[in-house]
Amino acid sequence: MLAFLSENLATILICAGLAALVACIIWSMVRRKKSGKGCNCGGCSGCAGASICHAQKKPDARGKS
């Protein structure tokens, strides 16, 4: 087992670094989605599916949306 680890240490470290990078990217995307910004950097102004992704707010009885 120790021989396997010593022979493949570089591969293991690179894979661990890549896994950490992917986890950070996913965490960032989830955080942005929860804050209502979506996953793209430009926002919803130029997105063709903005009306599908974010439902329009209906006005309440006082006429406010």
PDB file of N, CA and C in Angstrom:
ATOM      1  N   MET A   1       0.833  -1.198   0.000  1.00  0.00           N
ATOM      2  CA  MET A   1       0.000   0.000   0.000  1.00  0.00           C
ATOM      3  C   MET A   1       0.870   1.251   0.000  1.00  0.00           C
ATOM      4  N   LEU A   2       1.920   1.243   0.801  1.00  0.00           N
ATOM      5  CA  LEU A   2       2.816   2.395   0.869  1.00  0.00           C
ATOM      6  C   LEU A   2       3.566   2.584  -0.445  1.00  0.00           C
ATOM      7  N   ALA A   3       3.914   1.474  -1.098  1.00  0.00           N
ATOM      8  CA  ALA A   3       4.600   1.554  -2.386  1.00  0.00           C
ATOM      9  C   ALA A   3       3.675   2.162  -3.444  1.00  0.00           C
ATOM     10  N   PHE A   4       2.408   1.785  -3.412  1.00  0.00           N
ATOM     11  CA  PHE A   4       1.438   2.336  -4.353  1.00  0.00           C
ATOM     12  C   PHE A   4       1.310   3.846  -4.177  1.00  0.00           C
ATOM     13  N   LEU A   5       1.209   4.302  -2.922  1.00  0.00           N
ATOM     14  CA  LEU A   5       1.085   5.733  -2.650  1.00  0.00           C
ATOM     15  C   LEU A   5       2.322   6.502  -3.093  1.00  0.00           C
ATOM     16  N   SER A   6       3.500   5.950  -2.836  1.00  0.00           N
ATOM     17  CA  SER A   6       4.721   6.661  -3.218  1.00  0.00           C
ATOM     18  C   SER A   6       4.901   6.706  -4.731  1.00  0.00           C
ATOM     19  N   GLU A   7       4.462   5.669  -5.434  1.00  0.00           N
ATOM     20  CA  GLU A   7       4.589   5.649  -6.889  1.00  0.00           C
ATOM     21  C   GLU A   7       3.571   6.571  -7.568  1.00  0.00           C
ATOM     22  N   ASN A   8       2.432   6.796  -6.952  1.00  0.00           N
ATOM     23  CA  ASN A   8       1.358   7.560  -7.570  1.00  0.00           C
ATOM     24  C   ASN A   8       1.043   8.855  -6.828  1.00  0.00           C
ATOM     25  N   LEU A   9       1.986   9.371  -6.063  1.00  0.00           N
ATOM     26  CA  LEU A   9       1.737  10.558  -5.251  1.00  0.00           C
ATOM     27  C   LEU A   9       1.385  11.768  -6.116  1.00  0.00           C
ATOM     28  N   ALA A  10       2.087  11.971  -7.211  1.00  0.00           N
ATOM     29  CA  ALA A  10       1.809  13.123  -8.076  1.00  0.00           C
ATOM     30  C   ALA A  10       0.402  13.040  -8.673  1.00  0.00           C
ATOM     31  N   THR A  11       0.015  11.867  -9.122  1.00  0.00           N
ATOM     32  CA  THR A  11      -1.317  11.680  -9.691  1.00  0.00           C
ATOM     33  C   THR A  11      -2.396  11.913  -8.636  1.00  0.00           C
ATOM     34  N   ILE A  12      -2.165  11.409  -7.439  1.00  0.00           N
ATOM     35  CA  ILE A  12      -3.131  11.580  -6.356  1.00  0.00           C
ATOM     36  C   ILE A  12      -3.277  13.051  -5.998  1.00  0.00           C
ATOM     37  N   LEU A  13      -2.182  13.779  -5.901  1.00  0.00           N
ATOM     38  CA  LEU A  13      -2.229  15.205  -5.565  1.00  0.00           C
ATOM     39  C   LEU A  13      -2.921  16.020  -6.656  1.00  0.00           C
ATOM     40  N   ILE A  14      -2.650  15.719  -7.913  1.00  0.00           N
ATOM     41  CA  ILE A  14      -3.296  16.434  -9.016  1.00  0.00           C
ATOM     42  C   ILE A  14      -4.797  16.161  -9.017  1.00  0.00           C
ATOM     43  N   CYS A  15      -5.182  14.917  -8.811  1.00  0.00           N
ATOM     44  CA  CYS A  15      -6.610  14.573  -8.770  1.00  0.00           C
ATOM     45  C   CYS A  15      -7.302  15.244  -7.592  1.00  0.00           C
ATOM     46  N   ALA A  16      -6.649  15.313  -6.449  1.00  0.00           N
ATOM     47  CA  ALA A  16      -7.228  15.975  -5.280  1.00  0.00           C
ATOM     48  C   ALA A  16      -7.383  17.474  -5.544  1.00  0.00           C
ATOM     49  N   GLY A  17      -6.399  18.083  -6.194  1.00  0.00           N
ATOM     50  CA  GLY A  17      -6.490  19.501  -6.527  1.00  0.00           C
ATOM     51  C   GLY A  17      -7.613  19.785  -7.506  1.00  0.00           C
ATOM     52  N   LEU A  18      -7.755  18.938  -8.516  1.00  0.00           N
ATOM     53  CA  LEU A  18      -8.839  19.109  -9.487  1.00  0.00           C
ATOM     54  C   LEU A  18     -10.206  18.898  -8.840  1.00  0.00           C
ATOM     55  N   ALA A  19     -10.306  17.927  -7.942  1.00  0.00           N
ATOM     56  CA  ALA A  19     -11.567  17.690  -7.246  1.00  0.00           C
ATOM     57  C   ALA A  19     -11.924  18.894  -6.375  1.00  0.00           C
ATOM     58  N   ALA A  20     -10.939  19.492  -5.723  1.00  0.00           N
ATOM     59  CA  ALA A  20     -11.194  20.686  -4.907  1.00  0.00           C
ATOM     60  C   ALA A  20     -11.636  21.853  -5.781  1.00  0.00           C
ATOM     61  N   LEU A  21     -11.038  22.009  -6.948  1.00  0.00           N
ATOM     62  CA  LEU A  21     -11.406  23.079  -7.869  1.00  0.00           C
ATOM     63  C   LEU A  21     -12.851  22.905  -8.360  1.00  0.00           C
ATOM     64  N   VAL A  22     -13.213  21.704  -8.728  1.00  0.00           N
ATOM     65  CA  VAL A  22     -14.583  21.431  -9.187  1.00  0.00           C
ATOM     66  C   VAL A  22     -15.579  21.673  -8.054  1.00  0.00           C
ATOM     67  N   ALA A  23     -15.229  21.276  -6.841  1.00  0.00           N
ATOM     68  CA  ALA A  23     -16.114  21.497  -5.696  1.00  0.00           C
ATOM     69  C   ALA A  23     -16.307  22.991  -5.450  1.00  0.00           C
ATOM     70  N   CYS A  24     -15.255  23.790  -5.589  1.00  0.00           N
ATOM     71  CA  CYS A  24     -15.373  25.249  -5.413  1.00  0.00           C
ATOM     72  C   CYS A  24     -16.254  25.868  -6.493  1.00  0.00           C
ATOM     73  N   ILE A  25     -16.132  25.401  -7.713  1.00  0.00           N
ATOM     74  CA  ILE A  25     -16.953  25.921  -8.810  1.00  0.00           C
ATOM     75  C   ILE A  25     -18.422  25.587  -8.577  1.00  0.00           C
ATOM     76  N   ILE A  26     -18.708  24.358  -8.179  1.00  0.00           N
ATOM     77  CA  ILE A  26     -20.093  23.966  -7.918  1.00  0.00           C
ATOM     78  C   ILE A  26     -20.658  24.755  -6.749  1.00  0.00           C
ATOM     79  N   TRP A  27     -19.878  24.922  -5.691  1.00  0.00           N
ATOM     80  CA  TRP A  27     -20.323  25.696  -4.525  1.00  0.00           C
ATOM     81  C   TRP A  27     -20.633  27.141  -4.928  1.00  0.00           C
ATOM     82  N   SER A  28     -19.789  27.722  -5.773  1.00  0.00           N
ATOM     83  CA  SER A  28     -20.009  29.085  -6.235  1.00  0.00           C
ATOM     84  C   SER A  28     -21.284  29.187  -7.071  1.00  0.00           C
ATOM     85  N   MET A  29     -21.523  28.214  -7.937  1.00  0.00           N
ATOM     86  CA  MET A  29     -22.730  28.221  -8.765  1.00  0.00           C
ATOM     87  C   MET A  29     -23.988  28.088  -7.912  1.00  0.00           C
ATOM     88  N   VAL A  30     -23.948  27.232  -6.905  1.00  0.00           N
ATOM     89  CA  VAL A  30     -25.105  27.056  -6.021  1.00  0.00           C
ATOM     90  C   VAL A  30     -25.366  28.341  -5.246  1.00  0.00           C
ATOM     91  N   ARG A  31     -24.297  28.977  -4.756  1.00  0.00           N
ATOM     92  CA  ARG A  31     -24.441  30.220  -4.009  1.00  0.00           C
ATOM     93  C   ARG A  31     -25.031  31.326  -4.878  1.00  0.00           C
ATOM     94  N   ARG A  32     -24.574  31.428  -6.128  1.00  0.00           N
ATOM     95  CA  ARG A  32     -25.118  32.434  -7.042  1.00  0.00           C
ATOM     96  C   ARG A  32     -26.579  32.145  -7.366  1.00  0.00           C
ATOM     97  N   LYS A  33     -26.933  30.891  -7.545  1.00  0.00           N
ATOM     98  CA  LYS A  33     -28.313  30.525  -7.865  1.00  0.00           C
ATOM     99  C   LYS A  33     -29.238  30.850  -6.699  1.00  0.00           C
ATOM    100  N   LYS A  34     -28.785  30.594  -5.466  1.00  0.00           N
ATOM    101  CA  LYS A  34     -29.601  30.893  -4.293  1.00  0.00           C
ATOM    102  C   LYS A  34     -29.799  32.388  -4.102  1.00  0.00           C
ATOM    103  N   SER A  35     -28.814  33.186  -4.541  1.00  0.00           N
ATOM    104  CA  SER A  35     -28.943  34.642  -4.400  1.00  0.00           C
ATOM    105  C   SER A  35     -29.768  35.245  -5.532  1.00  0.00           C
ATOM    106  N   GLY A  36     -30.191  34.428  -6.502  1.00  0.00           N
ATOM    107  CA  GLY A  36     -31.053  34.889  -7.581  1.00  0.00           C
ATOM    108  C   GLY A  36     -30.307  35.417  -8.785  1.00  0.00           C
ATOM    109  N   LYS A  37     -29.013  35.245  -8.849  1.00  0.00           N
ATOM    110  CA  LYS A  37     -28.233  35.767  -9.966  1.00  0.00           C
ATOM    111  C   LYS A  37     -28.124  34.779 -11.118  1.00  0.00           C
ATOM    112  N   GLY A  38     -28.424  33.539 -10.907  1.00  0.00           N
ATOM    113  CA  GLY A  38     -28.294  32.546 -11.967  1.00  0.00           C
ATOM    114  C   GLY A  38     -26.854  32.106 -12.127  1.00  0.00           C
ATOM    115  N   CYS A  39     -26.589  31.337 -13.158  1.00  0.00           N
ATOM    116  CA  CYS A  39     -25.256  30.766 -13.327  1.00  0.00           C
ATOM    117  C   CYS A  39     -24.386  31.515 -14.322  1.00  0.00           C
ATOM    118  N   ASN A  40     -24.957  32.372 -15.128  1.00  0.00           N
ATOM    119  CA  ASN A  40     -24.124  33.080 -16.095  1.00  0.00           C
ATOM    120  C   ASN A  40     -23.639  34.400 -15.503  1.00  0.00           C
ATOM    121  N   CYS A  41     -22.578  34.919 -16.043  1.00  0.00           N
ATOM    122  CA  CYS A  41     -21.963  36.131 -15.494  1.00  0.00           C
ATOM    123  C   CYS A  41     -22.677  37.403 -15.921  1.00  0.00           C
ATOM    124  N   GLY A  42     -23.382  37.382 -17.024  1.00  0.00           N
ATOM    125  CA  GLY A  42     -23.987  38.589 -17.552  1.00  0.00           C
ATOM    126  C   GLY A  42     -25.346  38.925 -16.979  1.00  0.00           C
ATOM    127  N   GLY A  43     -25.901  38.068 -16.172  1.00  0.00           N
ATOM    128  CA  GLY A  43     -27.236  38.314 -15.643  1.00  0.00           C
ATOM    129  C   GLY A  43     -28.290  37.883 -16.643  1.00  0.00           C
ATOM    130  N   CYS A  44     -29.528  38.248 -16.371  1.00  0.00           N
ATOM    131  CA  CYS A  44     -30.643  37.790 -17.209  1.00  0.00           C
ATOM    132  C   CYS A  44     -31.003  38.781 -18.310  1.00  0.00           C
ATOM    133  N   SER A  45     -30.357  39.928 -18.374  1.00  0.00           N
ATOM    134  CA  SER A  45     -30.753  40.943 -19.348  1.00  0.00           C
ATOM    135  C   SER A  45     -30.593  40.469 -20.791  1.00  0.00           C
ATOM    136  N   GLY A  46     -29.586  39.677 -21.082  1.00  0.00           N
ATOM    137  CA  GLY A  46     -29.365  39.220 -22.441  1.00  0.00           C
ATOM    138  C   GLY A  46     -29.769  37.779 -22.675  1.00  0.00           C
ATOM    139  N   CYS A  47     -30.411  37.176 -21.706  1.00  0.00           N
ATOM    140  CA  CYS A  47     -30.753  35.757 -21.799  1.00  0.00           C
ATOM    141  C   CYS A  47     -32.099  35.579 -22.496  1.00  0.00           C
ATOM    142  N   ALA A  48     -32.150  34.669 -23.467  1.00  0.00           N
ATOM    143  CA  ALA A  48     -33.392  34.410 -24.188  1.00  0.00           C
ATOM    144  C   ALA A  48     -34.406  33.671 -23.316  1.00  0.00           C
ATOM    145  N   GLY A  49     -33.959  32.945 -22.307  1.00  0.00           N
ATOM    146  CA  GLY A  49     -34.865  32.179 -21.462  1.00  0.00           C
ATOM    147  C   GLY A  49     -35.153  32.844 -20.131  1.00  0.00           C
ATOM    148  N   ALA A  50     -34.952  34.155 -20.018  1.00  0.00           N
ATOM    149  CA  ALA A  50     -35.149  34.851 -18.744  1.00  0.00           C
ATOM    150  C   ALA A  50     -36.594  34.768 -18.268  1.00  0.00           C
ATOM    151  N   SER A  51     -37.547  34.821 -19.194  1.00  0.00           N
ATOM    152  CA  SER A  51     -38.952  34.773 -18.786  1.00  0.00           C
ATOM    153  C   SER A  51     -39.336  33.388 -18.279  1.00  0.00           C
ATOM    154  N   ILE A  52     -38.641  32.374 -18.717  1.00  0.00           N
ATOM    155  CA  ILE A  52     -38.911  31.012 -18.278  1.00  0.00           C
ATOM    156  C   ILE A  52     -38.246  30.747 -16.932  1.00  0.00           C
ATOM    157  N   CYS A  53     -37.041  31.242 -16.784  1.00  0.00           N
ATOM    158  CA  CYS A  53     -36.257  30.983 -15.588  1.00  0.00           C
ATOM    159  C   CYS A  53     -36.824  31.715 -14.371  1.00  0.00           C
ATOM    160  N   HIS A  54     -37.162  32.975 -14.532  1.00  0.00           N
ATOM    161  CA  HIS A  54     -37.674  33.788 -13.437  1.00  0.00           C
ATOM    162  C   HIS A  54     -39.110  34.193 -13.754  1.00  0.00           C
ATOM    163  N   ALA A  55     -40.045  33.676 -12.978  1.00  0.00           N
ATOM    164  CA  ALA A  55     -41.452  33.990 -13.197  1.00  0.00           C
ATOM    165  C   ALA A  55     -41.709  35.466 -12.893  1.00  0.00           C
ATOM    166  N   GLN A  56     -42.585  36.069 -13.661  1.00  0.00           N
ATOM    167  CA  GLN A  56     -42.942  37.470 -13.437  1.00  0.00           C
ATOM    168  C   GLN A  56     -43.730  37.588 -12.150  1.00  0.00           C
ATOM    169  N   LYS A  57     -43.460  38.638 -11.372  1.00  0.00           N
ATOM    170  CA  LYS A  57     -44.198  38.858 -10.134  1.00  0.00           C
ATOM    171  C   LYS A  57     -45.559  39.458 -10.463  1.00  0.00           C
ATOM    172  N   LYS A  58     -46.597  38.901  -9.864  1.00  0.00           N
ATOM    173  CA  LYS A  58     -47.942  39.411 -10.069  1.00  0.00           C
ATOM    174  C   LYS A  58     -48.210  40.542  -9.083  1.00  0.00           C
ATOM    175  N   PRO A  59     -48.873  41.613  -9.518  1.00  0.00           N
ATOM    176  CA  PRO A  59     -49.179  42.696  -8.581  1.00  0.00           C
ATOM    177  C   PRO A  59     -50.171  42.229  -7.532  1.00  0.00           C
ATOM    178  N   ASP A  60     -49.977  42.742  -6.312  1.00  0.00           N
ATOM    179  CA  ASP A  60     -50.923  42.404  -5.241  1.00  0.00           C
ATOM    180  C   ASP A  60     -52.141  43.317  -5.315  1.00  0.00           C
ATOM    181  N   ALA A  61     -52.991  43.271  -4.324  1.00  0.00           N
ATOM    182  CA  ALA A  61     -54.241  44.027  -4.313  1.00  0.00           C
ATOM    183  C   ALA A  61     -54.009  45.531  -4.364  1.00  0.00           C
ATOM    184  N   ARG A  62     -52.857  45.989  -3.874  1.00  0.00           N
ATOM    185  CA  ARG A  62     -52.557  47.427  -3.861  1.00  0.00           C
ATOM    186  C   ARG A  62     -51.893  47.882  -5.155  1.00  0.00           C
ATOM    187  N   GLY A  63     -51.641  46.967  -6.075  1.00  0.00           N
ATOM    188  CA  GLY A  63     -51.048  47.338  -7.358  1.00  0.00           C
ATOM    189  C   GLY A  63     -49.531  47.310  -7.350  1.00  0.00           C
ATOM    190  N   LYS A  64     -48.932  46.853  -6.258  1.00  0.00           N
ATOM    191  CA  LYS A  64     -47.469  46.751  -6.195  1.00  0.00           C
ATOM    192  C   LYS A  64     -47.050  45.368  -6.626  1.00  0.00           C
ATOM    193  N   SER A  65     -45.898  45.295  -7.256  1.00  0.00           N
ATOM    194  CA  SER A  65     -45.416  43.994  -7.702  1.00  0.00           C
ATOM    195  C   SER A  65     -44.410  43.415  -6.752  1.00  0.00           C
TER     196      SER A  65
END
